[in-house]
Amino acid sequence: QRKNPFSSDDRLASKPAHSHRGDPTYGRPPEGSRTEQRGKDAHSHVGKEVEELCLIIRRTGEVGEDGHVSVTFGQLFETYVTISNKVVGILLRARKHGLVHFEGEMLWQGKDDDVVITLL
């Protein structure tokens, strides 16, 4: 982009050619760019989907002896798939943030219908 004659972005000319791994801006879009804004918007959208998934688990699940709400993957899949087709991806993101727990690396429809998902 630095040498692109059709680019109207003047900020590119003032940026260093390459950033290095130790640099805090390494692998990040330029501050204030549309790319940065798209990333923030996507992060916000996924966060809202994770919240919605947790609410659905709370509504459809049952409270166990430990006080945590649990639901089987099959039941959650049937409920949530009408809202979004990204059930597994959102579950993985929720687990990454410590909001839910389930056994295994990945969940597959049909095969893992009996896997218990616990809301933390």
Protein backbone atom coordinates (compact mmCIF):
# COMPACT_ATOMS: atom_id res chain seq x y z
CA GLN A 1 0.00 0.00 0.00
CA ARG A 2 2.91 2.33 0.65
CA LYS A 3 3.65 2.60 -3.08
CA ASN A 4 0.06 2.31 -4.29
CA PRO A 5 -0.69 5.41 -6.40
CA PHE A 6 -4.43 4.83 -5.97
CA SER A 7 -4.33 4.87 -2.18
CA SER A 8 -5.66 8.06 -0.62
CA ASP A 9 -4.47 7.15 2.87
CA ASP A 10 -1.69 9.59 3.79
CA ARG A 11 -1.00 7.82 7.09
CA LEU A 12 0.68 4.95 5.23
CA ALA A 13 3.55 7.14 4.10
CA SER A 14 4.46 8.06 7.67
CA LYS A 15 4.39 4.49 9.03
CA PRO A 16 7.59 2.47 9.36
CA ALA A 17 8.00 -0.19 6.68
CA HIS A 18 8.03 -3.17 9.06
CA SER A 19 7.24 -3.68 12.71
CA HIS A 20 9.00 -6.34 14.72
CA ARG A 21 7.65 -8.97 17.12
CA GLY A 22 8.68 -6.99 20.20
CA ASP A 23 6.79 -3.93 18.98
CA PRO A 24 3.39 -3.51 20.74
CA THR A 25 1.78 -2.61 17.38
CA TYR A 26 3.01 -5.83 15.73
CA GLY A 27 0.11 -7.70 14.12
CA ARG A 28 -2.36 -4.92 14.81
CA PRO A 29 -4.09 -2.58 12.37
CA PRO A 30 -3.13 1.11 12.43
CA GLU A 31 -4.85 3.05 15.19
CA GLY A 32 -7.98 4.82 14.02
CA SER A 33 -8.19 2.79 10.79
CA ARG A 34 -11.37 1.24 9.44
CA THR A 35 -9.74 -2.17 9.90
CA GLU A 36 -9.32 -1.49 13.61
CA GLN A 37 -12.97 -0.42 13.85
CA ARG A 38 -14.17 -3.56 12.03
CA GLY A 39 -12.18 -5.67 14.50
CA LYS A 40 -13.73 -3.87 17.47
CA ASP A 41 -17.21 -4.27 16.00
CA ALA A 42 -16.66 -8.00 15.40
CA HIS A 43 -15.36 -8.47 18.95
CA SER A 44 -18.43 -6.71 20.33
CA HIS A 45 -20.79 -8.81 18.19
CA VAL A 46 -19.22 -12.09 19.31
CA GLY A 47 -19.37 -10.94 22.94
CA LYS A 48 -23.11 -10.35 22.59
CA GLU A 49 -23.57 -13.83 21.07
CA VAL A 50 -21.66 -15.38 24.00
CA GLU A 51 -23.91 -13.51 26.45
CA GLU A 52 -27.00 -14.71 24.62
CA LEU A 53 -25.73 -18.31 24.65
CA CYS A 54 -25.19 -18.11 28.42
CA LEU A 55 -28.74 -16.80 28.89
CA ILE A 56 -30.13 -19.68 26.84
CA ILE A 57 -28.15 -22.21 28.88
CA ARG A 58 -29.53 -20.63 32.07
CA ARG A 59 -33.11 -20.78 30.70
CA THR A 60 -33.02 -24.31 29.26
CA GLY A 61 -30.65 -26.02 31.69
CA GLU A 62 -31.18 -27.53 35.09
CA VAL A 63 -29.50 -26.53 38.34
CA GLY A 64 -27.26 -29.30 39.63
CA GLU A 65 -26.24 -30.22 43.16
CA ASP A 66 -23.22 -27.94 42.87
CA GLY A 67 -25.46 -24.97 42.05
CA HIS A 68 -24.29 -24.70 38.43
CA VAL A 69 -26.73 -24.80 35.53
CA SER A 70 -26.08 -27.63 33.05
CA VAL A 71 -27.56 -28.64 29.72
CA THR A 72 -26.69 -31.35 27.19
CA PHE A 73 -25.16 -30.31 23.89
CA GLY A 74 -28.03 -31.92 21.96
CA GLN A 75 -30.64 -29.91 23.85
CA LEU A 76 -28.63 -26.69 23.53
CA PHE A 77 -28.01 -27.29 19.84
CA GLU A 78 -31.73 -27.77 19.12
CA THR A 79 -32.59 -24.59 21.01
CA TYR A 80 -29.76 -22.33 19.85
CA VAL A 81 -29.52 -23.38 16.18
CA THR A 82 -32.73 -21.47 15.44
CA ILE A 83 -30.95 -18.32 16.67
CA SER A 84 -27.50 -18.85 15.17
CA ASN A 85 -25.71 -21.53 13.17
CA LYS A 86 -22.45 -20.87 15.04
CA VAL A 87 -23.30 -22.81 18.21
CA VAL A 88 -20.00 -24.66 18.50
CA GLY A 89 -17.84 -21.64 17.73
CA ILE A 90 -19.65 -19.53 20.31
CA LEU A 91 -19.36 -22.37 22.86
CA LEU A 92 -15.61 -22.55 22.26
CA ARG A 93 -15.29 -18.78 22.73
CA ALA A 94 -17.36 -18.96 25.95
CA ARG A 95 -15.10 -21.73 27.25
CA LYS A 96 -12.01 -19.71 26.37
CA HIS A 97 -13.34 -16.89 28.56
CA GLY A 98 -14.15 -19.28 31.42
CA LEU A 99 -17.93 -18.96 31.17
CA VAL A 100 -18.77 -22.60 30.38
CA HIS A 101 -17.16 -26.01 30.79
CA PHE A 102 -17.49 -29.20 28.75
CA GLU A 103 -15.30 -32.22 28.04
CA GLY A 104 -13.45 -32.56 24.74
CA GLU A 105 -11.85 -30.24 22.26
CA MET A 106 -14.76 -30.02 19.80
CA LEU A 107 -18.45 -30.89 19.85
CA TRP A 108 -20.15 -32.64 16.93
CA GLN A 109 -23.89 -32.74 16.34
CA GLY A 110 -25.24 -36.25 16.85
CA LYS A 111 -22.01 -37.74 18.20
CA ASP A 112 -21.73 -35.43 21.24
CA ASP A 113 -25.42 -34.83 21.98
CA ASP A 114 -25.02 -36.26 25.51
CA VAL A 115 -22.02 -34.09 26.48
CA VAL A 116 -22.92 -31.92 29.46
CA ILE A 117 -22.23 -28.19 29.18
CA THR A 118 -22.00 -26.42 32.52
CA LEU A 119 -22.48 -22.69 32.95
CA LEU A 120 -19.81 -21.33 35.29
